[in-house]
Amino acid sequence: MSTSRPIVLAFDTSGPFVRAALQASHAHTHARHEDMARGQAERLPVLCEELLAEAELSWRDIDGIVVCVGPGNFTGIRIAVAFARGLGLALGCDVHGISTFQLINTDLSGRQLCSVAAPAGKCYLQVLRFGVPVTDAVLVTPGEDHKVYDQPAMSVTGHRAEEIAAVRGLLVHPPRTLPYPEDYAALIPQTALRLLGEGKALGPAKPLYVKPADAAPPKDAPPVLID
């Protein structure tokens, strides 16, 4: 995907919401956010179509697609990634994945441990350097020590950052403050274009699952087949 005034469609359904943004030029981004715990699969394509109509563009005008790959809600991530892949095939355009860690990363000049809220009072953590991951994502309880802290000279930002930073006496970097929910949608294509403009590769449109889905095969014995 070229960074010279491309038209980029981006979206995120990794939480109880649907977010979409259309970067029609370097100067203007059409963005929407809707709180939604269910029905994201049905709403996402319609929302994207509404943004295109607002910008007086068509699906064929899109140069690239960026999808938030998580971490977050297991089913929600799959919805957005599946839609991105299918749309990319239909339109013949590039499809990129970007993580929630990259979207909350605020220290772009060094290493930063980024924290995203996880179920059961835990956090997803990953270290980024200049906006690019340098460790695997892990699931931890805030306050416990972990090898992810072994990276040198880094700050911490995100969910429960103070507790996480206290483990090793790290500096807390204030989280990014955005006044409107739709600003978080606009952040997706803006971050992607910045990274591409700096010559950094984005990840694939593949779900970022830090832990397996909360599901297990049934324990009941299989039915007996009668000839």
Protein backbone atom coordinates (compact mmCIF):
# COMPACT_ATOMS: atom_id res chain seq x y z
CA MET A 1 0.00 0.00 0.00
CA SER A 2 1.50 3.32 -1.05
CA THR A 3 1.79 6.07 1.56
CA SER A 4 1.33 8.82 -1.08
CA ARG A 5 -2.22 9.99 -0.38
CA PRO A 6 -3.78 6.50 -0.28
CA ILE A 7 -7.42 5.90 0.57
CA VAL A 8 -7.39 3.57 3.55
CA LEU A 9 -10.34 1.83 5.18
CA ALA A 10 -9.77 0.67 8.76
CA PHE A 11 -11.92 -0.98 11.40
CA ASP A 12 -11.93 -2.63 14.81
CA THR A 13 -14.42 -4.91 16.57
CA SER A 14 -12.09 -6.25 19.26
CA GLY A 15 -14.29 -4.96 22.10
CA PRO A 16 -17.98 -4.18 22.75
CA PHE A 17 -18.06 -1.70 19.90
CA VAL A 18 -17.70 -1.29 16.16
CA ARG A 19 -15.19 1.28 14.93
CA ALA A 20 -14.44 2.25 11.37
CA ALA A 21 -12.46 5.00 9.71
CA LEU A 22 -11.81 6.08 6.15
CA GLN A 23 -8.62 8.03 5.57
CA ALA A 24 -9.55 9.80 2.35
CA SER A 25 -6.49 12.09 2.39
CA HIS A 26 -3.72 13.19 4.73
CA ALA A 27 -5.95 16.07 5.81
CA HIS A 28 -9.24 14.38 6.63
CA THR A 29 -10.46 11.15 8.16
CA HIS A 30 -14.08 10.05 8.29
CA ALA A 31 -14.52 8.05 11.50
CA ARG A 32 -17.31 6.44 13.48
CA HIS A 33 -17.64 4.59 16.79
CA GLU A 34 -20.73 2.75 17.99
CA ASP A 35 -21.02 0.91 21.30
CA MET A 36 -22.28 -2.56 20.48
CA ALA A 37 -21.93 -5.86 22.34
CA ARG A 38 -23.73 -7.88 19.64
CA GLY A 39 -24.46 -7.56 15.94
CA GLN A 40 -21.01 -6.31 14.89
CA ALA A 41 -20.83 -8.71 11.93
CA GLU A 42 -24.03 -7.25 10.48
CA ARG A 43 -23.24 -3.62 11.30
CA LEU A 44 -19.59 -3.41 10.18
CA PRO A 45 -20.11 -3.66 6.38
CA VAL A 46 -22.99 -1.18 6.51
CA LEU A 47 -20.96 1.25 8.61
CA CYS A 48 -18.08 1.10 6.13
CA GLU A 49 -20.48 1.73 3.27
CA GLU A 50 -21.86 4.76 5.11
CA LEU A 51 -18.35 6.19 5.49
CA LEU A 52 -17.68 5.71 1.77
CA ALA A 53 -20.93 7.49 0.91
CA GLU A 54 -20.02 10.31 3.29
CA ALA A 55 -16.68 10.73 1.49
CA GLU A 56 -18.36 10.35 -1.93
CA LEU A 57 -16.23 7.30 -2.69
CA SER A 58 -16.92 3.71 -3.73
CA TRP A 59 -15.47 0.38 -2.60
CA ARG A 60 -13.23 0.33 -5.69
CA ASP A 61 -11.57 3.57 -4.60
CA ILE A 62 -9.99 1.87 -1.58
CA ASP A 63 -6.21 1.42 -1.84
CA GLY A 64 -5.68 -0.53 1.38
CA ILE A 65 -7.37 -2.03 4.42
CA VAL A 66 -6.14 -2.00 8.01
CA VAL A 67 -7.78 -4.14 10.68
CA CYS A 68 -7.16 -4.19 14.42
CA VAL A 69 -6.13 -7.75 15.26
CA GLY A 70 -6.41 -7.46 19.06
CA PRO A 71 -5.86 -8.57 21.70
CA GLY A 72 -9.45 -8.38 22.79
CA ASN A 73 -12.69 -10.28 22.40
CA PHE A 74 -12.09 -13.61 20.64
CA THR A 75 -15.23 -13.52 18.48
CA GLY A 76 -15.02 -9.80 17.79
CA ILE A 77 -11.49 -10.06 16.44
CA ARG A 78 -12.52 -12.87 14.10
CA ILE A 79 -15.39 -10.77 12.73
CA ALA A 80 -13.15 -7.88 11.72
CA VAL A 81 -10.31 -10.04 10.40
CA ALA A 82 -12.65 -12.21 8.30
CA PHE A 83 -14.29 -9.14 6.82
CA ALA A 84 -10.91 -7.53 6.06
CA ARG A 85 -9.59 -10.64 4.32
CA GLY A 86 -12.73 -11.13 2.26
CA LEU A 87 -12.86 -7.49 1.28
CA GLY A 88 -9.20 -7.50 0.33
CA LEU A 89 -9.71 -10.47 -1.97
CA ALA A 90 -12.77 -8.89 -3.56
CA LEU A 91 -11.08 -5.53 -4.14
CA GLY A 92 -7.59 -6.83 -4.88
CA CYS A 93 -5.98 -4.45 -2.39
CA ASP A 94 -3.46 -4.80 0.44
CA VAL A 95 -4.74 -5.88 3.85
CA HIS A 96 -2.70 -5.15 6.99
CA GLY A 97 -3.13 -5.98 10.65
CA ILE A 98 -2.35 -3.59 13.49
CA SER A 99 -2.48 -4.43 17.19
CA THR A 100 -4.13 -2.62 20.07
CA PHE A 101 -0.64 -2.32 21.56
CA GLN A 102 0.48 -0.28 18.55
CA LEU A 103 -2.56 1.95 18.85
CA ILE A 104 -1.90 2.82 22.51
CA ASN A 105 1.89 3.11 22.11
CA THR A 106 2.82 6.68 23.10
CA ASP A 107 6.64 6.61 23.34
CA LEU A 108 7.60 6.49 19.68
CA SER A 109 11.28 7.27 20.30
CA GLY A 110 12.17 4.26 22.42
CA ARG A 111 10.95 1.10 24.18
CA GLN A 112 7.56 0.98 25.82
CA LEU A 113 5.67 -1.73 27.65
CA CYS A 114 2.05 -1.41 26.52
CA SER A 115 -0.78 -2.77 28.65
CA VAL A 116 -4.27 -3.71 27.46
CA ALA A 117 -7.08 -4.78 29.79
CA ALA A 118 -7.77 -8.53 29.86
CA PRO A 119 -10.51 -10.60 31.56
CA ALA A 120 -10.37 -11.61 35.23
CA GLY A 121 -8.42 -8.53 36.32
CA LYS A 122 -5.38 -9.36 34.18
CA CYS A 123 -3.49 -7.48 31.48
CA TYR A 124 -2.06 -8.23 28.07
CA LEU A 125 1.48 -6.86 27.79
CA GLN A 126 3.87 -6.37 24.91
CA VAL A 127 7.04 -4.33 24.50
CA LEU A 128 7.29 -2.09 21.44
CA ARG A 129 10.33 -0.21 20.19
CA PHE A 130 9.74 2.67 17.78
CA GLY A 131 6.18 1.35 17.38
CA VAL A 132 7.20 -2.20 16.41
CA PRO A 133 6.83 -5.28 18.70
CA VAL A 134 10.09 -6.65 20.13
CA THR A 135 8.54 -9.29 22.43
CA ASP A 136 5.65 -11.71 22.26
CA ALA A 137 2.39 -10.59 23.86
CA VAL A 138 1.81 -12.12 27.30
CA LEU A 139 -1.00 -12.35 29.84
CA VAL A 140 -0.09 -11.31 33.39
CA THR A 141 -1.62 -10.20 36.66
CA PRO A 142 -0.65 -6.58 37.42
CA GLY A 143 1.94 -6.53 40.19
CA GLU A 144 3.55 -9.89 39.40
CA ASP A 145 7.04 -10.11 37.93
CA HIS A 146 7.57 -11.55 34.45
CA LYS A 147 10.40 -11.92 31.96
CA VAL A 148 8.67 -9.40 29.67
CA TYR A 149 10.07 -6.75 32.04
CA ASP A 150 13.64 -7.74 31.16
CA GLN A 151 13.83 -5.30 28.24
CA PRO A 152 16.14 -2.35 29.01
CA ALA A 153 15.24 1.33 29.36
CA MET A 154 11.52 1.34 28.81
CA SER A 155 8.43 3.16 30.03
CA VAL A 156 4.94 1.76 30.67
CA THR A 157 1.60 2.95 29.34
CA GLY A 158 -1.97 1.68 29.24
CA HIS A 159 -4.22 -0.25 31.61
CA ARG A 160 -3.08 -0.22 35.28
CA ALA A 161 0.27 1.14 34.19
CA GLU A 162 1.25 2.32 37.68
CA GLU A 163 0.95 -1.17 39.18
CA ILE A 164 2.87 -2.71 36.30
CA ALA A 165 5.62 -0.10 36.44
CA ALA A 166 6.05 -0.54 40.21
CA VAL A 167 7.31 -4.13 39.76
CA ARG A 168 10.65 -2.89 38.39
CA GLY A 169 10.47 0.83 39.21
CA LEU A 170 9.76 1.82 35.60
CA LEU A 171 8.65 5.21 34.35
CA VAL A 172 4.92 5.61 33.65
CA HIS A 173 4.13 7.35 30.38
CA PRO A 174 0.69 9.06 30.30
CA PRO A 175 -1.80 7.32 28.00
CA ARG A 176 -2.96 9.02 24.84
CA THR A 177 -5.99 11.20 25.58
CA LEU A 178 -8.56 11.45 22.80
CA PRO A 179 -11.69 13.56 23.36
CA TYR A 180 -14.17 11.59 21.27
CA PRO A 181 -14.75 7.83 20.78
CA GLU A 182 -14.47 8.18 17.00
CA ASP A 183 -10.94 9.53 17.48
CA TYR A 184 -9.89 5.99 18.42
CA ALA A 185 -11.23 4.76 15.08
CA ALA A 186 -9.31 7.48 13.22
CA LEU A 187 -6.16 6.44 15.07
CA ILE A 188 -6.08 3.09 13.22
CA PRO A 189 -5.35 4.34 9.67
CA GLN A 190 -3.29 7.26 11.00
CA THR A 191 -1.00 4.92 12.96
CA ALA A 192 -0.72 2.50 10.04
CA LEU A 193 0.24 5.24 7.60
CA ARG A 194 2.78 6.68 10.03
CA LEU A 195 4.48 3.30 10.45
CA LEU A 196 4.49 2.66 6.71
CA GLY A 197 5.81 6.14 6.10
CA GLU A 198 8.70 5.37 8.45
CA GLY A 199 9.50 2.27 6.42
CA LYS A 200 8.17 -0.17 9.02
CA ALA A 201 6.19 -3.22 7.97
CA LEU A 202 2.74 -3.84 9.37
CA GLY A 203 1.65 -7.28 10.48
CA PRO A 204 -0.67 -9.67 8.63
CA ALA A 205 -4.43 -9.63 9.05
CA LYS A 206 -4.26 -12.45 11.56
CA PRO A 207 -5.93 -12.52 15.01
CA LEU A 208 -3.59 -11.79 17.90
CA TYR A 209 -4.69 -14.35 20.49
CA VAL A 210 -2.58 -14.14 23.64
CA LYS A 211 -4.41 -17.06 25.21
CA PRO A 212 -6.69 -19.81 23.82
CA ALA A 213 -10.40 -19.20 23.52
CA ASP A 214 -12.43 -19.89 26.67
CA ALA A 215 -13.92 -23.05 25.23
CA ALA A 216 -13.27 -26.76 25.55
CA PRO A 217 -14.44 -29.88 23.74
CA PRO A 218 -17.45 -31.61 25.29
CA LYS A 219 -16.70 -34.17 27.99
CA ASP A 220 -19.69 -36.37 27.17
CA ALA A 221 -19.01 -39.67 25.49
CA PRO A 222 -19.77 -39.69 21.75
CA PRO A 223 -23.08 -41.27 20.72
CA VAL A 224 -23.09 -44.93 19.79
CA LEU A 225 -23.62 -45.42 16.06
CA ILE A 226 -26.11 -48.12 15.16
CA ASP A 227 -25.62 -49.95 11.87
